[in-house]
Amino acid sequence: MNAGSNNLCTYFILMRKFLQIILLLSFLGLISCKKENTGVQTVIKGHVSDNIRGINISGYKMVLEKSVYHSAGLWTSYTSYDEVATAYTDANGDYSMTFDYKLDYDGQSYNLSEQYYGTPYYPEYLQPIKIIAGNTNIVNINAWKPIGLILNVEVLNNIPSLNGLHVRNELVSNNTTLFNTENIYEQNIIKTYNLRSRPNSDIKIIFWYYTGTNPSPILHQKVFLYHTPLTDVMLNYKVDCSTF
């Protein structure tokens, strides 16, 4: 074999080794990317109970989502959601979910999607929800069932032309409005209105209406204080709008 043939053979051997090295590096790079893309194993766990009644709640659904806000103009902005994990509380009211924490781009975040909003439970989260990658994040919930607040009301001298009389209930402790508001448009009527409220709590039952015009309407309201029981309750009120 002449020198030219030897040089050519050496060249092909070196090229083959070079290609093998390139392929190996590419494979290692793919493995590295795959590991990087799996995210960081993270846990969310906690306890769900009706602390007012002292009851653990089983079958309470917890859903973890990724959300991102999309702004594509004044009328086309929206938030999209993708479900990541779901868990249900056990017989003791405990739940746990494990997932790989990985945000794909700026503006994306994790959030717990509430499933109930008062039907049949109203959730009070007992600590701020802050999901930290790689941690065991604790989220405990006081989830209580609302009671029925049944109001038998005699209304006098209502002014329907001013958008009528309204009734709602609020917590005394923080002025949080609870659930639905009922609207009364008849001038004089005896009727039953159904609200919902927090059990075993100090509440304000508020009847109100406005007079005057924008931008300075005048608020007229009558407030009844009440401490709710643990079950549905029926109350009777006489409301004369001309007195407040």
C-alpha atoms as a PDB file:
ATOM      1  CA  MET A   1       0.000   0.000   0.000  1.00  0.00           C
ATOM      2  CA  ASN A   2       1.405   3.354  -1.012  1.00  0.00           C
ATOM      3  CA  ALA A   3       1.629   6.517   1.097  1.00  0.00           C
ATOM      4  CA  GLY A   4      -1.408   8.074  -0.559  1.00  0.00           C
ATOM      5  CA  SER A   5      -3.578   5.117   0.332  1.00  0.00           C
ATOM      6  CA  ASN A   6      -2.348   5.217   3.935  1.00  0.00           C
ATOM      7  CA  ASN A   7      -3.131   8.890   4.222  1.00  0.00           C
ATOM      8  CA  LEU A   8      -6.626   8.362   2.822  1.00  0.00           C
ATOM      9  CA  CYS A   9      -7.291   5.493   5.190  1.00  0.00           C
ATOM     10  CA  THR A  10      -6.111   7.568   8.150  1.00  0.00           C
ATOM     11  CA  TYR A  11      -8.352  10.418   7.035  1.00  0.00           C
ATOM     12  CA  PHE A  12     -11.471   8.197   6.967  1.00  0.00           C
ATOM     13  CA  ILE A  13     -10.622   6.725  10.391  1.00  0.00           C
ATOM     14  CA  LEU A  14     -10.274  10.203  11.879  1.00  0.00           C
ATOM     15  CA  MET A  15     -13.505  11.351  10.263  1.00  0.00           C
ATOM     16  CA  ARG A  16     -15.348   8.316  11.638  1.00  0.00           C
ATOM     17  CA  LYS A  17     -14.052   9.015  15.157  1.00  0.00           C
ATOM     18  CA  PHE A  18     -14.960  12.672  14.767  1.00  0.00           C
ATOM     19  CA  LEU A  19     -18.525  11.780  13.745  1.00  0.00           C
ATOM     20  CA  GLN A  20     -18.767   9.342  16.654  1.00  0.00           C
ATOM     21  CA  ILE A  21     -17.754  12.115  19.050  1.00  0.00           C
ATOM     22  CA  ILE A  22     -20.307  14.511  17.505  1.00  0.00           C
ATOM     23  CA  LEU A  23     -23.060  11.906  17.821  1.00  0.00           C
ATOM     24  CA  LEU A  24     -22.074  11.177  21.429  1.00  0.00           C
ATOM     25  CA  LEU A  25     -22.099  14.862  22.353  1.00  0.00           C
ATOM     26  CA  SER A  26     -25.465  15.308  20.659  1.00  0.00           C
ATOM     27  CA  PHE A  27     -26.882  12.368  22.601  1.00  0.00           C
ATOM     28  CA  LEU A  28     -25.539  13.719  25.883  1.00  0.00           C
ATOM     29  CA  GLY A  29     -26.999  17.103  25.010  1.00  0.00           C
ATOM     30  CA  LEU A  30     -30.414  15.553  24.421  1.00  0.00           C
ATOM     31  CA  ILE A  31     -30.228  13.774  27.770  1.00  0.00           C
ATOM     32  CA  SER A  32     -29.210  17.015  29.459  1.00  0.00           C
ATOM     33  CA  CYS A  33     -32.084  18.918  27.841  1.00  0.00           C
ATOM     34  CA  LYS A  34     -34.512  16.177  28.772  1.00  0.00           C
ATOM     35  CA  LYS A  35     -33.441  16.350  32.398  1.00  0.00           C
ATOM     36  CA  GLU A  36     -33.653  20.119  32.358  1.00  0.00           C
ATOM     37  CA  ASN A  37     -37.137  20.100  30.852  1.00  0.00           C
ATOM     38  CA  THR A  38     -38.630  17.747  33.432  1.00  0.00           C
ATOM     39  CA  GLY A  39     -38.630  20.497  36.066  1.00  0.00           C
ATOM     40  CA  VAL A  40     -38.219  20.274  39.838  1.00  0.00           C
ATOM     41  CA  GLN A  41     -40.304  17.813  41.832  1.00  0.00           C
ATOM     42  CA  THR A  42     -42.632  19.834  44.063  1.00  0.00           C
ATOM     43  CA  VAL A  43     -45.398  18.919  46.511  1.00  0.00           C
ATOM     44  CA  ILE A  44     -48.610  20.650  47.548  1.00  0.00           C
ATOM     45  CA  LYS A  45     -50.399  19.106  50.517  1.00  0.00           C
ATOM     46  CA  GLY A  46     -52.763  20.134  53.264  1.00  0.00           C
ATOM     47  CA  HIS A  47     -55.944  19.574  55.219  1.00  0.00           C
ATOM     48  CA  VAL A  48     -59.534  20.560  54.429  1.00  0.00           C
ATOM     49  CA  SER A  49     -62.139  20.786  57.175  1.00  0.00           C
ATOM     50  CA  ASP A  50     -65.212  22.699  58.248  1.00  0.00           C
ATOM     51  CA  ASN A  51     -63.646  24.309  61.303  1.00  0.00           C
ATOM     52  CA  ILE A  52     -66.927  25.938  62.333  1.00  0.00           C
ATOM     53  CA  ARG A  53     -68.642  22.575  62.703  1.00  0.00           C
ATOM     54  CA  GLY A  54     -65.488  20.551  63.505  1.00  0.00           C
ATOM     55  CA  ILE A  55     -65.822  18.210  60.506  1.00  0.00           C
ATOM     56  CA  ASN A  56     -63.085  16.831  58.224  1.00  0.00           C
ATOM     57  CA  ILE A  57     -64.125  17.016  54.567  1.00  0.00           C
ATOM     58  CA  SER A  58     -63.479  14.055  52.274  1.00  0.00           C
ATOM     59  CA  GLY A  59     -63.696  14.159  48.487  1.00  0.00           C
ATOM     60  CA  TYR A  60     -62.791  17.860  48.285  1.00  0.00           C
ATOM     61  CA  LYS A  61     -61.310  18.482  44.838  1.00  0.00           C
ATOM     62  CA  MET A  62     -58.013  20.332  44.507  1.00  0.00           C
ATOM     63  CA  VAL A  63     -56.843  21.329  41.016  1.00  0.00           C
ATOM     64  CA  LEU A  64     -53.426  22.808  40.160  1.00  0.00           C
ATOM     65  CA  GLU A  65     -53.197  24.834  36.965  1.00  0.00           C
ATOM     66  CA  LYS A  66     -50.681  26.795  34.959  1.00  0.00           C
ATOM     67  CA  SER A  67     -51.990  30.171  33.912  1.00  0.00           C
ATOM     68  CA  VAL A  68     -50.691  32.911  31.665  1.00  0.00           C
ATOM     69  CA  TYR A  69     -52.096  36.304  30.746  1.00  0.00           C
ATOM     70  CA  HIS A  70     -52.172  37.095  27.033  1.00  0.00           C
ATOM     71  CA  SER A  71     -52.400  40.711  25.948  1.00  0.00           C
ATOM     72  CA  ALA A  72     -53.068  41.148  22.246  1.00  0.00           C
ATOM     73  CA  GLY A  73     -54.837  44.466  22.296  1.00  0.00           C
ATOM     74  CA  LEU A  74     -57.537  46.245  24.271  1.00  0.00           C
ATOM     75  CA  TRP A  75     -60.343  43.848  23.334  1.00  0.00           C
ATOM     76  CA  THR A  76     -58.446  40.583  22.919  1.00  0.00           C
ATOM     77  CA  SER A  77     -56.635  40.118  26.245  1.00  0.00           C
ATOM     78  CA  TYR A  78     -57.332  36.865  28.069  1.00  0.00           C
ATOM     79  CA  THR A  79     -55.883  34.338  30.516  1.00  0.00           C
ATOM     80  CA  SER A  80     -55.364  30.721  29.500  1.00  0.00           C
ATOM     81  CA  TYR A  81     -55.249  27.773  31.909  1.00  0.00           C
ATOM     82  CA  ASP A  82     -53.744  24.288  31.657  1.00  0.00           C
ATOM     83  CA  GLU A  83     -54.477  21.620  34.268  1.00  0.00           C
ATOM     84  CA  VAL A  84     -51.338  20.181  35.855  1.00  0.00           C
ATOM     85  CA  ALA A  85     -52.532  17.929  38.695  1.00  0.00           C
ATOM     86  CA  THR A  86     -55.700  16.957  40.580  1.00  0.00           C
ATOM     87  CA  ALA A  87     -56.157  15.508  44.063  1.00  0.00           C
ATOM     88  CA  TYR A  88     -59.067  14.685  46.372  1.00  0.00           C
ATOM     89  CA  THR A  89     -59.080  14.732  50.163  1.00  0.00           C
ATOM     90  CA  ASP A  90     -59.215  11.372  51.929  1.00  0.00           C
ATOM     91  CA  ALA A  91     -61.462  10.344  54.832  1.00  0.00           C
ATOM     92  CA  ASN A  92     -59.346  12.455  57.210  1.00  0.00           C
ATOM     93  CA  GLY A  93     -59.569  15.562  55.027  1.00  0.00           C
ATOM     94  CA  ASP A  94     -55.936  15.300  53.864  1.00  0.00           C
ATOM     95  CA  TYR A  95     -54.670  15.624  50.295  1.00  0.00           C
ATOM     96  CA  SER A  96     -51.334  15.662  48.490  1.00  0.00           C
ATOM     97  CA  MET A  97     -50.209  16.244  44.909  1.00  0.00           C
ATOM     98  CA  THR A  98     -46.731  15.914  43.424  1.00  0.00           C
ATOM     99  CA  PHE A  99     -45.723  17.560  40.163  1.00  0.00           C
ATOM    100  CA  ASP A 100     -42.682  18.766  38.219  1.00  0.00           C
ATOM    101  CA  TYR A 101     -42.380  22.517  38.674  1.00  0.00           C
ATOM    102  CA  LYS A 102     -41.449  24.032  35.324  1.00  0.00           C
ATOM    103  CA  LEU A 103     -42.549  27.375  33.921  1.00  0.00           C
ATOM    104  CA  ASP A 104     -42.158  27.538  30.175  1.00  0.00           C
ATOM    105  CA  TYR A 105     -41.931  31.314  29.730  1.00  0.00           C
ATOM    106  CA  ASP A 106     -42.229  34.673  31.458  1.00  0.00           C
ATOM    107  CA  GLY A 107     -45.674  35.512  32.766  1.00  0.00           C
ATOM    108  CA  GLN A 108     -46.676  31.913  33.397  1.00  0.00           C
ATOM    109  CA  SER A 109     -47.522  30.889  36.948  1.00  0.00           C
ATOM    110  CA  TYR A 110     -49.057  28.111  39.026  1.00  0.00           C
ATOM    111  CA  ASN A 111     -52.341  28.557  40.858  1.00  0.00           C
ATOM    112  CA  LEU A 112     -54.896  26.433  42.683  1.00  0.00           C
ATOM    113  CA  SER A 113     -58.228  26.553  40.893  1.00  0.00           C
ATOM    114  CA  GLU A 114     -61.138  26.769  43.340  1.00  0.00           C
ATOM    115  CA  GLN A 115     -63.880  24.275  42.505  1.00  0.00           C
ATOM    116  CA  TYR A 116     -66.740  25.367  44.748  1.00  0.00           C
ATOM    117  CA  TYR A 117     -67.305  29.112  45.350  1.00  0.00           C
ATOM    118  CA  GLY A 118     -70.006  28.470  47.952  1.00  0.00           C
ATOM    119  CA  THR A 119     -71.622  25.403  46.364  1.00  0.00           C
ATOM    120  CA  PRO A 120     -71.620  23.356  48.463  1.00  0.00           C
ATOM    121  CA  TYR A 121     -68.633  24.785  50.355  1.00  0.00           C
ATOM    122  CA  TYR A 122     -67.182  28.238  50.881  1.00  0.00           C
ATOM    123  CA  PRO A 123     -63.359  28.048  51.131  1.00  0.00           C
ATOM    124  CA  GLU A 124     -61.261  30.160  53.480  1.00  0.00           C
ATOM    125  CA  TYR A 125     -57.559  29.564  52.784  1.00  0.00           C
ATOM    126  CA  LEU A 126     -55.717  29.580  56.102  1.00  0.00           C
ATOM    127  CA  GLN A 127     -52.407  30.870  54.733  1.00  0.00           C
ATOM    128  CA  PRO A 128     -51.302  32.770  51.634  1.00  0.00           C
ATOM    129  CA  ILE A 129     -50.882  30.458  48.643  1.00  0.00           C
ATOM    130  CA  LYS A 130     -47.237  30.594  47.576  1.00  0.00           C
ATOM    131  CA  ILE A 131     -46.010  27.636  45.543  1.00  0.00           C
ATOM    132  CA  ILE A 132     -42.218  27.343  45.768  1.00  0.00           C
ATOM    133  CA  ALA A 133     -40.327  24.971  43.453  1.00  0.00           C
ATOM    134  CA  GLY A 134     -38.747  21.972  45.212  1.00  0.00           C
ATOM    135  CA  ASN A 135     -40.631  22.572  48.468  1.00  0.00           C
ATOM    136  CA  THR A 136     -43.469  20.819  50.241  1.00  0.00           C
ATOM    137  CA  ASN A 137     -46.019  23.635  50.123  1.00  0.00           C
ATOM    138  CA  ILE A 138     -48.794  23.549  52.751  1.00  0.00           C
ATOM    139  CA  VAL A 139     -52.278  24.811  51.869  1.00  0.00           C
ATOM    140  CA  ASN A 140     -54.951  24.236  54.524  1.00  0.00           C
ATOM    141  CA  ILE A 141     -58.586  25.227  53.952  1.00  0.00           C
ATOM    142  CA  ASN A 142     -61.517  25.954  56.225  1.00  0.00           C
ATOM    143  CA  ALA A 143     -64.364  24.958  53.904  1.00  0.00           C
ATOM    144  CA  TRP A 144     -67.750  25.584  55.486  1.00  0.00           C
ATOM    145  CA  LYS A 145     -71.230  24.919  54.163  1.00  0.00           C
ATOM    146  CA  PRO A 146     -73.404  28.041  54.056  1.00  0.00           C
ATOM    147  CA  ILE A 147     -76.710  28.138  55.863  1.00  0.00           C
ATOM    148  CA  GLY A 148     -79.970  29.417  54.429  1.00  0.00           C
ATOM    149  CA  LEU A 149     -80.951  32.874  55.658  1.00  0.00           C
ATOM    150  CA  ILE A 150     -84.693  32.955  54.969  1.00  0.00           C
ATOM    151  CA  LEU A 151     -86.155  36.445  55.329  1.00  0.00           C
ATOM    152  CA  ASN A 152     -89.892  37.040  55.590  1.00  0.00           C
ATOM    153  CA  VAL A 153     -90.073  40.750  54.808  1.00  0.00           C
ATOM    154  CA  GLU A 154     -92.875  43.281  54.791  1.00  0.00           C
ATOM    155  CA  VAL A 155     -91.749  46.195  52.597  1.00  0.00           C
ATOM    156  CA  LEU A 156     -93.458  49.596  52.763  1.00  0.00           C
ATOM    157  CA  ASN A 157     -92.948  52.766  50.708  1.00  0.00           C
ATOM    158  CA  ASN A 158     -90.331  51.366  48.368  1.00  0.00           C
ATOM    159  CA  ILE A 159     -89.392  53.582  45.399  1.00  0.00           C
ATOM    160  CA  PRO A 160     -89.142  51.239  42.380  1.00  0.00           C
ATOM    161  CA  SER A 161     -88.404  54.138  40.011  1.00  0.00           C
ATOM    162  CA  LEU A 162     -85.044  54.607  41.772  1.00  0.00           C
ATOM    163  CA  ASN A 163     -83.977  51.023  41.056  1.00  0.00           C
ATOM    164  CA  GLY A 164     -85.723  49.694  44.123  1.00  0.00           C
ATOM    165  CA  LEU A 165     -84.675  48.260  47.470  1.00  0.00           C
ATOM    166  CA  HIS A 166     -81.916  45.669  47.920  1.00  0.00           C
ATOM    167  CA  VAL A 167     -80.942  43.277  50.717  1.00  0.00           C
ATOM    168  CA  ARG A 168     -77.660  41.482  51.413  1.00  0.00           C
ATOM    169  CA  ASN A 169     -75.700  40.174  54.402  1.00  0.00           C
ATOM    170  CA  GLU A 170     -72.114  40.882  55.467  1.00  0.00           C
ATOM    171  CA  LEU A 171     -69.684  39.612  58.073  1.00  0.00           C
ATOM    172  CA  VAL A 172     -69.299  42.082  60.933  1.00  0.00           C
ATOM    173  CA  SER A 173     -65.604  41.210  61.326  1.00  0.00           C
ATOM    174  CA  ASN A 174     -64.438  42.339  57.879  1.00  0.00           C
ATOM    175  CA  ASN A 175     -67.499  43.648  55.973  1.00  0.00           C
ATOM    176  CA  THR A 176     -67.238  40.814  53.455  1.00  0.00           C
ATOM    177  CA  THR A 177     -70.461  40.521  51.472  1.00  0.00           C
ATOM    178  CA  LEU A 178     -71.760  36.969  51.548  1.00  0.00           C
ATOM    179  CA  PHE A 179     -73.219  35.439  48.420  1.00  0.00           C
ATOM    180  CA  ASN A 180     -76.347  36.715  46.699  1.00  0.00           C
ATOM    181  CA  THR A 181     -78.191  40.036  46.849  1.00  0.00           C
ATOM    182  CA  GLU A 182     -81.973  40.177  46.435  1.00  0.00           C
ATOM    183  CA  ASN A 183     -83.672  43.066  44.610  1.00  0.00           C
ATOM    184  CA  ILE A 184     -87.141  44.332  45.588  1.00  0.00           C
ATOM    185  CA  TYR A 185     -89.026  46.423  43.041  1.00  0.00           C
ATOM    186  CA  GLU A 186     -92.580  46.426  44.448  1.00  0.00           C
ATOM    187  CA  GLN A 187     -93.690  49.525  46.371  1.00  0.00           C
ATOM    188  CA  ASN A 188     -95.455  47.532  49.098  1.00  0.00           C
ATOM    189  CA  ILE A 189     -95.146  43.786  49.426  1.00  0.00           C
ATOM    190  CA  ILE A 190     -94.911  40.882  51.854  1.00  0.00           C
ATOM    191  CA  LYS A 191     -92.519  38.324  50.442  1.00  0.00           C
ATOM    192  CA  THR A 192     -89.855  35.745  51.382  1.00  0.00           C
ATOM    193  CA  TYR A 193     -86.270  36.266  50.218  1.00  0.00           C
ATOM    194  CA  ASN A 194     -83.587  33.600  50.402  1.00  0.00           C
ATOM    195  CA  LEU A 195     -80.001  34.543  51.198  1.00  0.00           C
ATOM    196  CA  ARG A 196     -77.073  32.392  52.279  1.00  0.00           C
ATOM    197  CA  SER A 197     -74.698  33.147  55.113  1.00  0.00           C
ATOM    198  CA  ARG A 198     -71.797  31.931  57.239  1.00  0.00           C
ATOM    199  CA  PRO A 199     -72.834  29.738  60.184  1.00  0.00           C
ATOM    200  CA  ASN A 200     -72.042  30.684  63.804  1.00  0.00           C
ATOM    201  CA  SER A 201     -71.031  34.213  62.810  1.00  0.00           C
ATOM    202  CA  ASP A 202     -71.910  37.822  63.578  1.00  0.00           C
ATOM    203  CA  ILE A 203     -73.480  39.298  60.463  1.00  0.00           C
ATOM    204  CA  LYS A 204     -75.186  42.453  59.271  1.00  0.00           C
ATOM    205  CA  ILE A 205     -78.425  42.123  57.304  1.00  0.00           C
ATOM    206  CA  ILE A 206     -78.542  45.294  55.213  1.00  0.00           C
ATOM    207  CA  PHE A 207     -81.481  46.814  53.356  1.00  0.00           C
ATOM    208  CA  TRP A 208     -80.484  49.746  51.136  1.00  0.00           C
ATOM    209  CA  TYR A 209     -81.456  52.000  48.266  1.00  0.00           C
ATOM    210  CA  TYR A 210     -80.219  55.195  46.604  1.00  0.00           C
ATOM    211  CA  THR A 211     -81.783  58.560  45.882  1.00  0.00           C
ATOM    212  CA  GLY A 212     -80.364  61.459  43.913  1.00  0.00           C
ATOM    213  CA  THR A 213     -78.348  61.131  40.724  1.00  0.00           C
ATOM    214  CA  ASN A 214     -74.798  60.464  39.645  1.00  0.00           C
ATOM    215  CA  PRO A 215     -72.091  61.405  40.373  1.00  0.00           C
ATOM    216  CA  SER A 216     -73.337  61.922  43.959  1.00  0.00           C
ATOM    217  CA  PRO A 217     -76.180  59.509  44.760  1.00  0.00           C
ATOM    218  CA  ILE A 218     -77.348  59.372  48.385  1.00  0.00           C
ATOM    219  CA  LEU A 219     -77.239  56.007  50.147  1.00  0.00           C
ATOM    220  CA  HIS A 220     -80.094  55.045  52.479  1.00  0.00           C
ATOM    221  CA  GLN A 221     -79.683  51.847  54.466  1.00  0.00           C
ATOM    222  CA  LYS A 222     -81.071  50.005  57.468  1.00  0.00           C
ATOM    223  CA  VAL A 223     -78.880  47.459  59.253  1.00  0.00           C
ATOM    224  CA  PHE A 224     -79.929  44.555  61.473  1.00  0.00           C
ATOM    225  CA  LEU A 225     -77.279  42.732  63.511  1.00  0.00           C
ATOM    226  CA  TYR A 226     -77.641  38.990  63.939  1.00  0.00           C
ATOM    227  CA  HIS A 227     -75.610  35.955  65.078  1.00  0.00           C
ATOM    228  CA  THR A 228     -76.243  33.002  62.805  1.00  0.00           C
ATOM    229  CA  PRO A 229     -76.829  29.428  64.053  1.00  0.00           C
ATOM    230  CA  LEU A 230     -75.341  26.264  62.520  1.00  0.00           C
ATOM    231  CA  THR A 231     -78.446  25.456  60.482  1.00  0.00           C
ATOM    232  CA  ASP A 232     -80.925  27.298  58.257  1.00  0.00           C
ATOM    233  CA  VAL A 233     -82.894  30.040  59.979  1.00  0.00           C
ATOM    234  CA  MET A 234     -86.059  32.038  59.240  1.00  0.00           C
ATOM    235  CA  LEU A 235     -86.325  35.702  60.293  1.00  0.00           C
ATOM    236  CA  ASN A 236     -89.096  38.290  60.048  1.00  0.00           C
ATOM    237  CA  TYR A 237     -88.538  41.978  59.236  1.00  0.00           C
ATOM    238  CA  LYS A 238     -90.701  45.018  58.561  1.00  0.00           C
ATOM    239  CA  VAL A 239     -88.907  47.596  56.423  1.00  0.00           C
ATOM    240  CA  ASP A 240     -90.392  51.034  55.830  1.00  0.00           C
ATOM    241  CA  CYS A 241     -88.214  52.802  53.269  1.00  0.00           C
ATOM    242  CA  SER A 242     -89.585  56.215  54.260  1.00  0.00           C
ATOM    243  CA  THR A 243     -87.869  55.913  57.669  1.00  0.00           C
ATOM    244  CA  PHE A 244     -84.256  55.679  56.472  1.00  0.00           C
END
